[in-house]
Amino acid sequence: MSSTLEIGYNEYIIKYNYTMYIYKTTNLINNKIYIGINNKTVENSKSYYGSGTLLKVAIEKYGKENFSKEILERDITDRAMLLEREIYWIAEYGTYDNPDHYNQTKGGDGSLGWSGNKMKKNSIISDWLAQNGDPEIDQFVAAQSAKRVGSKRSAETKAKMSIASTGRLHSDVTKTKMSISQTGVLHTAETKAKIAATLLGKKRGPYKTSGKYTK
């Protein structure tokens, strides 16, 4: 039985005359494969090679020009069928949980084959490497991490971060963490002056003193 989501997909596809497809992306340097699906037509997604975490790391390392894309099935109009066929092709090529390939799930709904700890986004690559090992990707990820260590943000980046944070409301938990992190911090005279200038003209209180509120 199709789910409400699948029915919605199918109605959308029929309404806008869309079709879906299954593809195979191959690393031309080491022949590692990724099987994926796309909800757009082949013609409207020629530059799309897949969104798998390991695949994206590999593309960043080797360059997109060193990957090829082959259409395995096209013109699919039923999403349930699309997911079923993706599972078939991943099994056919043996690309799931295989150090020689890039698929990290069995296909289908996007989480089939995941274990609990792998659902943590930040540990996907490290978990996979720990179980399967891939010196090339391991070295690349390490190199990318090393670039970020000690890197300084430009004035433009700092300005963007400041604007993005303006008006942000912190939760009680966040406020507590911020308070704890500042405990025992000694401010320089320059910092104290900036804090005083920031507070100048702001309304204070009411504050509670000896059981009474004052302003």
N, C-alpha and C. Protein backbone atom coordinates (compact mmCIF):
# COMPACT_ATOMS: atom_id res chain seq x y z
N MET A 1 0.85 -1.19 0.00
CA MET A 1 0.00 0.00 0.00
C MET A 1 0.89 1.25 0.00
N SER A 2 0.57 2.19 -0.87
CA SER A 2 1.36 3.41 -0.95
C SER A 2 1.06 4.34 0.20
N SER A 3 2.09 5.04 0.69
CA SER A 3 1.90 5.99 1.78
C SER A 3 1.34 7.29 1.22
N THR A 4 0.89 8.17 2.13
CA THR A 4 0.36 9.48 1.71
C THR A 4 1.43 10.27 0.99
N LEU A 5 2.68 10.18 1.47
CA LEU A 5 3.78 10.89 0.84
C LEU A 5 4.00 10.41 -0.58
N GLU A 6 3.96 9.09 -0.78
CA GLU A 6 4.18 8.53 -2.12
C GLU A 6 3.05 8.93 -3.06
N ILE A 7 1.81 8.93 -2.54
CA ILE A 7 0.66 9.34 -3.37
C ILE A 7 0.82 10.79 -3.78
N GLY A 8 1.29 11.62 -2.83
CA GLY A 8 1.52 13.03 -3.13
C GLY A 8 2.58 13.21 -4.21
N TYR A 9 3.66 12.45 -4.12
CA TYR A 9 4.71 12.50 -5.14
C TYR A 9 4.13 12.13 -6.50
N ASN A 10 3.37 11.04 -6.55
CA ASN A 10 2.83 10.56 -7.81
C ASN A 10 1.88 11.57 -8.44
N GLU A 11 1.05 12.22 -7.62
CA GLU A 11 0.12 13.24 -8.14
C GLU A 11 0.89 14.42 -8.70
N TYR A 12 1.97 14.80 -8.01
CA TYR A 12 2.81 15.92 -8.46
C TYR A 12 3.46 15.59 -9.80
N ILE A 13 3.96 14.37 -9.90
CA ILE A 13 4.64 13.93 -11.13
C ILE A 13 3.68 13.92 -12.31
N ILE A 14 2.47 13.43 -12.07
CA ILE A 14 1.46 13.38 -13.15
C ILE A 14 1.04 14.79 -13.55
N LYS A 15 0.83 15.65 -12.54
CA LYS A 15 0.36 17.01 -12.80
C LYS A 15 1.36 17.79 -13.64
N TYR A 16 2.65 17.68 -13.33
CA TYR A 16 3.66 18.46 -14.03
C TYR A 16 4.43 17.64 -15.07
N ASN A 17 3.93 16.46 -15.36
CA ASN A 17 4.51 15.61 -16.40
C ASN A 17 5.99 15.31 -16.14
N TYR A 18 6.30 15.08 -14.88
CA TYR A 18 7.67 14.74 -14.50
C TYR A 18 7.85 13.22 -14.54
N THR A 19 9.10 12.82 -14.68
CA THR A 19 9.45 11.40 -14.53
C THR A 19 10.71 11.31 -13.67
N MET A 20 10.94 10.16 -13.06
CA MET A 20 12.10 9.97 -12.18
C MET A 20 13.02 8.91 -12.77
N TYR A 21 14.22 8.80 -12.20
CA TYR A 21 15.15 7.82 -12.75
C TYR A 21 16.16 7.33 -11.71
N ILE A 22 16.85 6.27 -12.06
CA ILE A 22 17.90 5.68 -11.23
C ILE A 22 19.21 5.76 -12.01
N TYR A 23 20.27 6.14 -11.33
CA TYR A 23 21.54 6.34 -12.02
C TYR A 23 22.70 5.65 -11.30
N LYS A 24 23.81 5.53 -12.01
CA LYS A 24 25.04 4.98 -11.44
C LYS A 24 26.17 5.98 -11.70
N THR A 25 26.78 6.45 -10.60
CA THR A 25 27.92 7.36 -10.72
C THR A 25 29.19 6.56 -10.46
N THR A 26 30.17 6.69 -11.35
CA THR A 26 31.40 5.92 -11.24
C THR A 26 32.63 6.82 -11.15
N ASN A 27 33.50 6.52 -10.20
CA ASN A 27 34.78 7.20 -10.08
C ASN A 27 35.71 6.60 -11.13
N LEU A 28 36.11 7.40 -12.12
CA LEU A 28 36.90 6.89 -13.23
C LEU A 28 38.34 6.57 -12.83
N ILE A 29 38.75 7.01 -11.65
CA ILE A 29 40.12 6.77 -11.20
C ILE A 29 40.25 5.43 -10.47
N ASN A 30 39.26 5.14 -9.59
CA ASN A 30 39.35 3.89 -8.83
C ASN A 30 38.16 2.95 -9.04
N ASN A 31 37.23 3.33 -9.94
CA ASN A 31 36.07 2.50 -10.31
C ASN A 31 35.07 2.29 -9.16
N LYS A 32 35.10 3.13 -8.14
CA LYS A 32 34.10 3.02 -7.08
C LYS A 32 32.78 3.57 -7.59
N ILE A 33 31.68 2.95 -7.14
CA ILE A 33 30.36 3.25 -7.69
C ILE A 33 29.40 3.78 -6.62
N TYR A 34 28.48 4.62 -7.08
CA TYR A 34 27.37 5.09 -6.23
C TYR A 34 26.08 4.95 -7.02
N ILE A 35 25.08 4.31 -6.41
CA ILE A 35 23.76 4.17 -7.04
C ILE A 35 22.81 5.15 -6.36
N GLY A 36 22.05 5.90 -7.15
CA GLY A 36 21.13 6.87 -6.56
C GLY A 36 19.88 7.06 -7.40
N ILE A 37 18.96 7.85 -6.87
CA ILE A 37 17.71 8.16 -7.57
C ILE A 37 17.54 9.67 -7.64
N ASN A 38 16.73 10.11 -8.59
CA ASN A 38 16.45 11.54 -8.70
C ASN A 38 14.98 11.74 -9.05
N ASN A 39 14.37 12.72 -8.40
CA ASN A 39 12.95 12.99 -8.63
C ASN A 39 12.71 13.91 -9.83
N LYS A 40 13.79 14.34 -10.47
CA LYS A 40 13.66 15.18 -11.65
C LYS A 40 13.92 14.34 -12.90
N THR A 41 13.68 14.92 -14.04
CA THR A 41 13.94 14.21 -15.29
C THR A 41 15.44 14.18 -15.54
N VAL A 42 15.85 13.27 -16.39
CA VAL A 42 17.27 13.15 -16.75
C VAL A 42 17.75 14.46 -17.36
N GLU A 43 16.93 15.04 -18.22
CA GLU A 43 17.31 16.26 -18.93
C GLU A 43 17.49 17.45 -17.98
N ASN A 44 16.71 17.47 -16.88
CA ASN A 44 16.77 18.61 -15.97
C ASN A 44 17.79 18.43 -14.84
N SER A 45 18.53 17.37 -14.87
CA SER A 45 19.50 17.15 -13.78
C SER A 45 20.78 16.49 -14.30
N LYS A 46 21.23 16.94 -15.45
CA LYS A 46 22.42 16.35 -16.06
C LYS A 46 23.67 16.52 -15.20
N SER A 47 23.75 17.61 -14.43
CA SER A 47 24.95 17.87 -13.64
C SER A 47 24.89 17.24 -12.25
N TYR A 48 23.77 16.58 -11.94
CA TYR A 48 23.61 15.96 -10.61
C TYR A 48 24.22 14.56 -10.62
N TYR A 49 25.21 14.35 -9.72
CA TYR A 49 25.90 13.07 -9.66
C TYR A 49 25.61 12.30 -8.38
N GLY A 50 24.83 12.89 -7.46
CA GLY A 50 24.50 12.20 -6.23
C GLY A 50 24.79 13.03 -5.00
N SER A 51 24.11 12.69 -3.88
CA SER A 51 24.26 13.47 -2.65
C SER A 51 24.80 12.64 -1.49
N GLY A 52 25.25 11.42 -1.75
CA GLY A 52 25.81 10.59 -0.68
C GLY A 52 27.03 11.26 -0.06
N THR A 53 27.17 11.14 1.26
CA THR A 53 28.26 11.80 1.97
C THR A 53 29.63 11.39 1.46
N LEU A 54 29.87 10.10 1.34
CA LEU A 54 31.17 9.63 0.87
C LEU A 54 31.41 10.02 -0.59
N LEU A 55 30.34 10.00 -1.38
CA LEU A 55 30.47 10.38 -2.79
C LEU A 55 30.87 11.85 -2.90
N LYS A 56 30.24 12.71 -2.11
CA LYS A 56 30.55 14.14 -2.17
C LYS A 56 31.99 14.41 -1.76
N VAL A 57 32.47 13.69 -0.74
CA VAL A 57 33.87 13.83 -0.32
C VAL A 57 34.80 13.42 -1.46
N ALA A 58 34.45 12.31 -2.12
CA ALA A 58 35.28 11.80 -3.21
C ALA A 58 35.30 12.77 -4.39
N ILE A 59 34.12 13.36 -4.71
CA ILE A 59 34.05 14.31 -5.82
C ILE A 59 34.88 15.55 -5.51
N GLU A 60 34.84 15.98 -4.27
CA GLU A 60 35.63 17.15 -3.88
C GLU A 60 37.12 16.85 -4.00
N LYS A 61 37.48 15.63 -3.70
CA LYS A 61 38.90 15.25 -3.75
C LYS A 61 39.39 15.07 -5.19
N TYR A 62 38.66 14.26 -5.98
CA TYR A 62 39.13 13.89 -7.31
C TYR A 62 38.70 14.86 -8.41
N GLY A 63 37.65 15.65 -8.15
CA GLY A 63 37.14 16.54 -9.18
C GLY A 63 36.01 15.89 -9.95
N LYS A 64 34.97 16.65 -10.23
CA LYS A 64 33.78 16.10 -10.88
C LYS A 64 34.09 15.55 -12.27
N GLU A 65 35.14 16.11 -12.90
CA GLU A 65 35.49 15.66 -14.25
C GLU A 65 35.98 14.21 -14.27
N ASN A 66 36.30 13.68 -13.11
CA ASN A 66 36.78 12.29 -13.02
C ASN A 66 35.67 11.32 -12.62
N PHE A 67 34.42 11.73 -12.82
CA PHE A 67 33.27 10.86 -12.52
C PHE A 67 32.36 10.81 -13.75
N SER A 68 31.74 9.67 -13.94
CA SER A 68 30.78 9.51 -15.04
C SER A 68 29.42 9.13 -14.45
N LYS A 69 28.38 9.40 -15.22
CA LYS A 69 27.02 9.11 -14.76
C LYS A 69 26.29 8.32 -15.85
N GLU A 70 25.74 7.20 -15.43
CA GLU A 70 25.02 6.32 -16.36
C GLU A 70 23.59 6.13 -15.86
N ILE A 71 22.63 6.22 -16.74
CA ILE A 71 21.22 6.05 -16.38
C ILE A 71 20.88 4.56 -16.43
N LEU A 72 20.44 4.02 -15.31
CA LEU A 72 20.09 2.60 -15.23
C LEU A 72 18.62 2.38 -15.60
N GLU A 73 17.74 3.24 -15.11
CA GLU A 73 16.32 3.19 -15.46
C GLU A 73 15.79 4.62 -15.50
N ARG A 74 14.90 4.91 -16.42
CA ARG A 74 14.35 6.26 -16.53
C ARG A 74 12.85 6.22 -16.78
N ASP A 75 12.25 7.40 -16.77
CA ASP A 75 10.81 7.55 -17.03
C ASP A 75 9.95 6.78 -16.04
N ILE A 76 10.38 6.73 -14.79
CA ILE A 76 9.60 6.09 -13.73
C ILE A 76 8.62 7.13 -13.18
N THR A 77 7.34 6.76 -13.05
CA THR A 77 6.33 7.71 -12.59
C THR A 77 5.72 7.34 -11.24
N ASP A 78 6.14 6.23 -10.67
CA ASP A 78 5.62 5.79 -9.38
C ASP A 78 6.77 5.78 -8.37
N ARG A 79 6.64 6.54 -7.28
CA ARG A 79 7.74 6.67 -6.33
C ARG A 79 8.03 5.35 -5.60
N ALA A 80 6.99 4.62 -5.26
CA ALA A 80 7.20 3.34 -4.58
C ALA A 80 8.04 2.41 -5.45
N MET A 81 7.75 2.42 -6.75
CA MET A 81 8.53 1.61 -7.68
C MET A 81 9.97 2.11 -7.77
N LEU A 82 10.13 3.43 -7.75
CA LEU A 82 11.46 4.03 -7.80
C LEU A 82 12.32 3.54 -6.64
N LEU A 83 11.77 3.58 -5.43
CA LEU A 83 12.50 3.16 -4.24
C LEU A 83 12.81 1.67 -4.27
N GLU A 84 11.85 0.90 -4.75
CA GLU A 84 12.03 -0.55 -4.84
C GLU A 84 13.15 -0.90 -5.82
N ARG A 85 13.20 -0.20 -6.93
CA ARG A 85 14.21 -0.46 -7.94
C ARG A 85 15.59 0.02 -7.48
N GLU A 86 15.62 1.06 -6.68
CA GLU A 86 16.91 1.53 -6.14
C GLU A 86 17.52 0.44 -5.26
N ILE A 87 16.69 -0.16 -4.41
CA ILE A 87 17.16 -1.25 -3.54
C ILE A 87 17.71 -2.39 -4.40
N TYR A 88 17.00 -2.68 -5.50
CA TYR A 88 17.43 -3.76 -6.40
C TYR A 88 18.82 -3.46 -6.99
N TRP A 89 19.01 -2.24 -7.51
CA TRP A 89 20.26 -1.92 -8.18
C TRP A 89 21.44 -1.85 -7.22
N ILE A 90 21.22 -1.35 -6.01
CA ILE A 90 22.29 -1.30 -5.00
C ILE A 90 22.74 -2.72 -4.65
N ALA A 91 21.76 -3.63 -4.53
CA ALA A 91 22.09 -5.03 -4.25
C ALA A 91 22.77 -5.67 -5.45
N GLU A 92 22.31 -5.33 -6.65
CA GLU A 92 22.86 -5.90 -7.88
C GLU A 92 24.35 -5.56 -8.04
N TYR A 93 24.70 -4.33 -7.74
CA TYR A 93 26.10 -3.90 -7.87
C TYR A 93 26.90 -4.10 -6.58
N GLY A 94 26.22 -4.44 -5.49
CA GLY A 94 26.90 -4.67 -4.23
C GLY A 94 27.60 -3.44 -3.69
N THR A 95 26.96 -2.29 -3.80
CA THR A 95 27.61 -1.04 -3.41
C THR A 95 27.34 -0.61 -1.97
N TYR A 96 26.45 -1.33 -1.27
CA TYR A 96 26.13 -0.98 0.11
C TYR A 96 27.14 -1.57 1.09
N ASP A 97 27.59 -0.73 2.04
CA ASP A 97 28.49 -1.19 3.12
C ASP A 97 29.69 -1.93 2.55
N ASN A 98 30.22 -1.38 1.48
CA ASN A 98 31.33 -2.01 0.77
C ASN A 98 32.45 -0.98 0.63
N PRO A 99 33.65 -1.27 1.14
CA PRO A 99 34.76 -0.30 1.07
C PRO A 99 35.17 0.07 -0.35
N ASP A 100 34.71 -0.73 -1.33
CA ASP A 100 35.04 -0.44 -2.73
C ASP A 100 34.01 0.45 -3.41
N HIS A 101 32.97 0.85 -2.67
CA HIS A 101 31.92 1.68 -3.25
C HIS A 101 31.43 2.73 -2.25
N TYR A 102 30.43 3.55 -2.66
CA TYR A 102 30.04 4.71 -1.87
C TYR A 102 28.68 4.67 -1.19
N ASN A 103 27.82 3.72 -1.49
CA ASN A 103 26.49 3.71 -0.88
C ASN A 103 26.57 3.33 0.60
N GLN A 104 25.89 4.10 1.45
CA GLN A 104 25.89 3.85 2.88
C GLN A 104 24.56 3.31 3.39
N THR A 105 23.58 3.20 2.51
CA THR A 105 22.31 2.58 2.86
C THR A 105 21.95 1.57 1.78
N LYS A 106 20.94 0.77 2.07
CA LYS A 106 20.48 -0.25 1.11
C LYS A 106 19.56 0.36 0.06
N GLY A 107 19.25 1.66 0.22
CA GLY A 107 18.36 2.32 -0.73
C GLY A 107 16.95 2.41 -0.18
N GLY A 108 16.02 2.80 -1.01
CA GLY A 108 14.64 2.89 -0.57
C GLY A 108 14.33 4.23 0.07
N ASP A 109 14.06 4.21 1.37
CA ASP A 109 13.62 5.44 2.04
C ASP A 109 14.78 6.32 2.50
N GLY A 110 16.01 5.95 2.22
CA GLY A 110 17.15 6.77 2.59
C GLY A 110 17.79 6.41 3.90
N SER A 111 17.15 5.55 4.71
CA SER A 111 17.74 5.17 5.99
C SER A 111 17.82 3.65 6.15
N LEU A 112 17.39 2.92 5.15
CA LEU A 112 17.41 1.46 5.22
C LEU A 112 18.86 0.97 5.28
N GLY A 113 19.19 0.29 6.37
CA GLY A 113 20.54 -0.22 6.51
C GLY A 113 21.39 0.58 7.47
N TRP A 114 20.84 1.74 7.94
CA TRP A 114 21.57 2.54 8.92
C TRP A 114 21.50 1.88 10.29
N SER A 115 22.59 1.97 11.05
CA SER A 115 22.55 1.59 12.46
C SER A 115 22.39 2.87 13.25
N GLY A 116 22.00 2.77 14.51
CA GLY A 116 21.71 3.96 15.31
C GLY A 116 22.82 4.98 15.34
N ASN A 117 24.07 4.53 15.55
CA ASN A 117 25.15 5.51 15.67
C ASN A 117 25.46 6.19 14.35
N LYS A 118 25.13 5.55 13.24
CA LYS A 118 25.42 6.17 11.96
C LYS A 118 24.45 7.29 11.60
N MET A 119 23.34 7.38 12.33
CA MET A 119 22.39 8.42 12.04
C MET A 119 22.89 9.78 12.50
N LYS A 120 23.95 9.81 13.29
CA LYS A 120 24.55 11.07 13.72
C LYS A 120 25.34 11.62 12.55
N LYS A 121 24.91 12.76 12.04
CA LYS A 121 25.49 13.32 10.82
C LYS A 121 26.99 13.51 10.92
N ASN A 122 27.47 14.02 12.05
CA ASN A 122 28.88 14.34 12.18
C ASN A 122 29.79 13.12 12.24
N SER A 123 29.22 11.94 12.49
CA SER A 123 30.05 10.75 12.62
C SER A 123 29.92 9.80 11.44
N ILE A 124 29.21 10.20 10.41
CA ILE A 124 28.98 9.31 9.26
C ILE A 124 30.30 8.86 8.65
N ILE A 125 31.15 9.80 8.32
CA ILE A 125 32.40 9.45 7.65
C ILE A 125 33.32 8.67 8.57
N SER A 126 33.48 9.14 9.82
CA SER A 126 34.39 8.46 10.74
C SER A 126 33.92 7.05 11.05
N ASP A 127 32.61 6.84 11.20
CA ASP A 127 32.07 5.50 11.45
C ASP A 127 32.37 4.57 10.28
N TRP A 128 32.14 5.08 9.08
CA TRP A 128 32.34 4.27 7.89
C TRP A 128 33.81 3.89 7.73
N LEU A 129 34.69 4.87 7.93
CA LEU A 129 36.12 4.61 7.80
C LEU A 129 36.60 3.62 8.85
N ALA A 130 36.04 3.73 10.08
CA ALA A 130 36.47 2.84 11.16
C ALA A 130 36.12 1.39 10.83
N GLN A 131 34.99 1.19 10.15
CA GLN A 131 34.55 -0.16 9.84
C GLN A 131 35.15 -0.70 8.55
N ASN A 132 35.31 0.19 7.55
CA ASN A 132 35.73 -0.28 6.23
C ASN A 132 37.16 0.14 5.86
N GLY A 133 37.54 1.32 6.29
CA GLY A 133 38.86 1.82 5.98
C GLY A 133 38.98 2.28 4.54
N ASP A 134 39.50 3.45 4.33
CA ASP A 134 39.77 3.97 2.99
C ASP A 134 40.85 5.02 3.15
N PRO A 135 42.11 4.63 3.03
CA PRO A 135 43.21 5.56 3.26
C PRO A 135 43.12 6.84 2.46
N GLU A 136 42.65 6.74 1.21
CA GLU A 136 42.59 7.92 0.35
C GLU A 136 41.62 8.96 0.90
N ILE A 137 40.39 8.51 1.21
CA ILE A 137 39.39 9.43 1.74
C ILE A 137 39.79 9.88 3.14
N ASP A 138 40.34 8.96 3.92
CA ASP A 138 40.77 9.27 5.28
C ASP A 138 41.79 10.41 5.27
N GLN A 139 42.77 10.32 4.39
CA GLN A 139 43.80 11.34 4.29
C GLN A 139 43.21 12.67 3.82
N PHE A 140 42.26 12.59 2.90
CA PHE A 140 41.66 13.81 2.38
C PHE A 140 40.87 14.54 3.46
N VAL A 141 40.05 13.78 4.22
CA VAL A 141 39.26 14.37 5.30
C VAL A 141 40.18 14.99 6.35
N ALA A 142 41.28 14.29 6.67
CA ALA A 142 42.24 14.79 7.66
C ALA A 142 42.85 16.10 7.18
N ALA A 143 43.17 16.16 5.89
CA ALA A 143 43.77 17.37 5.32
C ALA A 143 42.80 18.54 5.36
N GLN A 144 41.52 18.26 5.06
CA GLN A 144 40.51 19.32 5.10
C GLN A 144 40.33 19.84 6.51
N SER A 145 40.36 18.94 7.50
CA SER A 145 40.22 19.34 8.90
C SER A 145 41.40 20.18 9.34
N ALA A 146 42.61 19.81 8.87
CA ALA A 146 43.82 20.54 9.24
C ALA A 146 43.78 21.97 8.72
N LYS A 147 43.15 22.17 7.57
CA LYS A 147 43.05 23.51 7.00
C LYS A 147 42.22 24.43 7.89
N ARG A 148 41.20 23.82 8.56
CA ARG A 148 40.31 24.63 9.39
C ARG A 148 40.92 24.97 10.74
N VAL A 149 41.84 24.15 11.23
CA VAL A 149 42.45 24.38 12.53
C VAL A 149 43.31 25.63 12.49
N GLY A 150 43.02 26.56 13.37
CA GLY A 150 43.82 27.78 13.46
C GLY A 150 43.52 28.80 12.38
N SER A 151 42.53 28.52 11.52
CA SER A 151 42.22 29.47 10.46
C SER A 151 41.54 30.70 11.04
N LYS A 152 41.84 31.86 10.47
CA LYS A 152 41.26 33.12 10.95
C LYS A 152 40.16 33.57 10.01
N ARG A 153 39.08 34.06 10.59
CA ARG A 153 37.96 34.54 9.78
C ARG A 153 38.26 35.94 9.26
N SER A 154 37.85 36.20 8.02
CA SER A 154 38.06 37.51 7.43
C SER A 154 37.09 38.51 8.06
N ALA A 155 37.38 39.80 7.86
CA ALA A 155 36.51 40.85 8.40
C ALA A 155 35.10 40.73 7.82
N GLU A 156 35.03 40.34 6.52
CA GLU A 156 33.74 40.18 5.86
C GLU A 156 32.94 39.05 6.51
N THR A 157 33.61 37.92 6.79
CA THR A 157 32.94 36.78 7.41
C THR A 157 32.45 37.15 8.80
N LYS A 158 33.29 37.85 9.58
CA LYS A 158 32.90 38.26 10.92
C LYS A 158 31.68 39.19 10.87
N ALA A 159 31.65 40.09 9.87
CA ALA A 159 30.52 41.01 9.74
C ALA A 159 29.24 40.26 9.44
N LYS A 160 29.32 39.25 8.56
CA LYS A 160 28.15 38.44 8.21
C LYS A 160 27.64 37.67 9.42
N MET A 161 28.57 37.13 10.22
CA MET A 161 28.19 36.38 11.42
C MET A 161 27.52 37.28 12.42
N SER A 162 28.02 38.52 12.53
CA SER A 162 27.44 39.48 13.47
C SER A 162 26.03 39.85 13.07
N ILE A 163 25.83 40.09 11.77
CA ILE A 163 24.49 40.45 11.26
C ILE A 163 23.52 39.29 11.46
N ALA A 164 24.01 38.07 11.20
CA ALA A 164 23.15 36.88 11.34
C ALA A 164 22.71 36.68 12.78
N SER A 165 23.55 37.11 13.74
CA SER A 165 23.24 36.90 15.15
C SER A 165 22.40 38.01 15.75
N THR A 166 22.28 39.13 15.04
CA THR A 166 21.52 40.27 15.56
C THR A 166 20.07 39.91 15.80
N GLY A 167 19.59 40.16 17.00
CA GLY A 167 18.20 39.89 17.34
C GLY A 167 17.91 38.47 17.71
N ARG A 168 18.93 37.63 17.73
CA ARG A 168 18.72 36.22 18.07
C ARG A 168 18.39 36.06 19.55
N LEU A 169 17.38 35.27 19.85
CA LEU A 169 16.99 35.02 21.23
C LEU A 169 17.59 33.70 21.69
N HIS A 170 18.34 33.73 22.77
CA HIS A 170 18.96 32.52 23.29
C HIS A 170 18.03 31.82 24.29
N SER A 171 18.06 30.50 24.28
CA SER A 171 17.27 29.74 25.24
C SER A 171 17.90 29.84 26.62
N ASP A 172 17.15 29.45 27.66
CA ASP A 172 17.68 29.49 29.02
C ASP A 172 18.92 28.61 29.15
N VAL A 173 18.90 27.46 28.46
CA VAL A 173 20.05 26.55 28.53
C VAL A 173 21.29 27.21 27.93
N THR A 174 21.09 27.86 26.76
CA THR A 174 22.20 28.54 26.11
C THR A 174 22.75 29.67 26.97
N LYS A 175 21.83 30.44 27.59
CA LYS A 175 22.26 31.54 28.45
C LYS A 175 23.09 31.03 29.62
N THR A 176 22.66 29.90 30.19
CA THR A 176 23.39 29.32 31.32
C THR A 176 24.79 28.91 30.89
N LYS A 177 24.89 28.26 29.72
CA LYS A 177 26.19 27.83 29.20
C LYS A 177 27.10 29.03 28.96
N MET A 178 26.52 30.10 28.40
CA MET A 178 27.30 31.30 28.12
C MET A 178 27.80 31.93 29.42
N SER A 179 26.94 31.91 30.43
CA SER A 179 27.31 32.48 31.71
C SER A 179 28.45 31.70 32.35
N ILE A 180 28.33 30.36 32.30
CA ILE A 180 29.36 29.50 32.89
C ILE A 180 30.70 29.69 32.18
N SER A 181 30.62 29.82 30.84
CA SER A 181 31.86 29.95 30.06
C SER A 181 32.59 31.24 30.37
N GLN A 182 31.85 32.26 30.88
CA GLN A 182 32.46 33.55 31.17
C GLN A 182 32.90 33.68 32.61
N THR A 183 32.56 32.70 33.45
CA THR A 183 32.91 32.75 34.87
C THR A 183 34.42 32.77 35.05
N GLY A 184 34.92 33.77 35.76
CA GLY A 184 36.35 33.86 36.03
C GLY A 184 37.15 34.52 34.93
N VAL A 185 36.46 34.97 33.84
CA VAL A 185 37.17 35.61 32.74
C VAL A 185 37.52 37.04 33.13
N LEU A 186 38.76 37.42 32.95
CA LEU A 186 39.21 38.78 33.27
C LEU A 186 39.22 39.61 32.00
N HIS A 187 38.44 40.70 32.00
CA HIS A 187 38.35 41.55 30.83
C HIS A 187 39.44 42.62 30.86
N THR A 188 39.95 42.98 29.69
CA THR A 188 40.93 44.05 29.59
C THR A 188 40.21 45.38 29.75
N ALA A 189 40.97 46.45 29.96
CA ALA A 189 40.39 47.78 30.10
C ALA A 189 39.62 48.16 28.84
N GLU A 190 40.16 47.77 27.69
CA GLU A 190 39.50 48.08 26.41
C GLU A 190 38.15 47.38 26.32
N THR A 191 38.11 46.10 26.72
CA THR A 191 36.86 45.34 26.68
C THR A 191 35.83 45.92 27.63
N LYS A 192 36.29 46.29 28.84
CA LYS A 192 35.38 46.91 29.82
C LYS A 192 34.79 48.19 29.26
N ALA A 193 35.61 48.98 28.58
CA ALA A 193 35.13 50.23 28.01
C ALA A 193 34.07 49.99 26.95
N LYS A 194 34.28 48.94 26.14
CA LYS A 194 33.31 48.61 25.09
C LYS A 194 32.00 48.15 25.71
N ILE A 195 32.08 47.35 26.77
CA ILE A 195 30.87 46.87 27.45
C ILE A 195 30.10 48.04 28.04
N ALA A 196 30.84 48.96 28.66
CA ALA A 196 30.20 50.14 29.27
C ALA A 196 29.52 50.99 28.21
N ALA A 197 30.19 51.15 27.05
CA ALA A 197 29.61 51.95 25.97
C ALA A 197 28.35 51.31 25.42
N THR A 198 28.35 49.98 25.37
CA THR A 198 27.19 49.24 24.86
C THR A 198 25.99 49.39 25.78
N LEU A 199 26.26 49.39 27.10
CA LEU A 199 25.20 49.47 28.09
C LEU A 199 24.70 50.89 28.32
N LEU A 200 25.48 51.88 27.87
CA LEU A 200 25.13 53.27 28.11
C LEU A 200 23.79 53.61 27.45
N GLY A 201 22.88 54.13 28.24
CA GLY A 201 21.58 54.53 27.71
C GLY A 201 20.55 53.44 27.72
N LYS A 202 20.94 52.20 28.05
CA LYS A 202 19.97 51.12 28.12
C LYS A 202 19.17 51.22 29.42
N LYS A 203 17.91 50.86 29.35
CA LYS A 203 17.06 50.87 30.53
C LYS A 203 17.41 49.71 31.43
N ARG A 204 17.52 49.97 32.69
CA ARG A 204 17.87 48.93 33.65
C ARG A 204 16.64 48.52 34.47
N GLY A 205 16.74 47.31 34.95
CA GLY A 205 15.76 46.87 35.95
C GLY A 205 14.42 46.49 35.38
N PRO A 206 13.36 46.40 36.25
CA PRO A 206 13.55 46.65 37.69
C PRO A 206 14.38 45.56 38.38
N TYR A 207 15.17 45.95 39.39
CA TYR A 207 15.98 45.01 40.14
C TYR A 207 15.41 44.85 41.54
N LYS A 208 15.57 43.68 42.07
CA LYS A 208 15.03 43.39 43.39
C LYS A 208 16.14 43.55 44.43
N THR A 209 15.94 44.45 45.39
CA THR A 209 16.92 44.68 46.44
C THR A 209 16.22 44.70 47.80
N SER A 210 16.65 43.83 48.68
CA SER A 210 16.09 43.75 50.04
C SER A 210 14.58 43.59 50.02
N GLY A 211 14.13 42.77 49.14
CA GLY A 211 12.70 42.46 49.08
C GLY A 211 11.87 43.47 48.34
N LYS A 212 12.50 44.58 47.84
CA LYS A 212 11.78 45.58 47.08
C LYS A 212 12.39 45.74 45.69
N TYR A 213 11.56 46.13 44.75
CA TYR A 213 12.04 46.34 43.39
C TYR A 213 12.46 47.79 43.23
N THR A 214 13.60 48.01 42.63
CA THR A 214 14.07 49.37 42.37
C THR A 214 14.36 49.51 40.90
N LYS A 215 14.42 50.71 40.44
CA LYS A 215 14.76 50.98 39.04
C LYS A 215 16.06 51.78 38.96
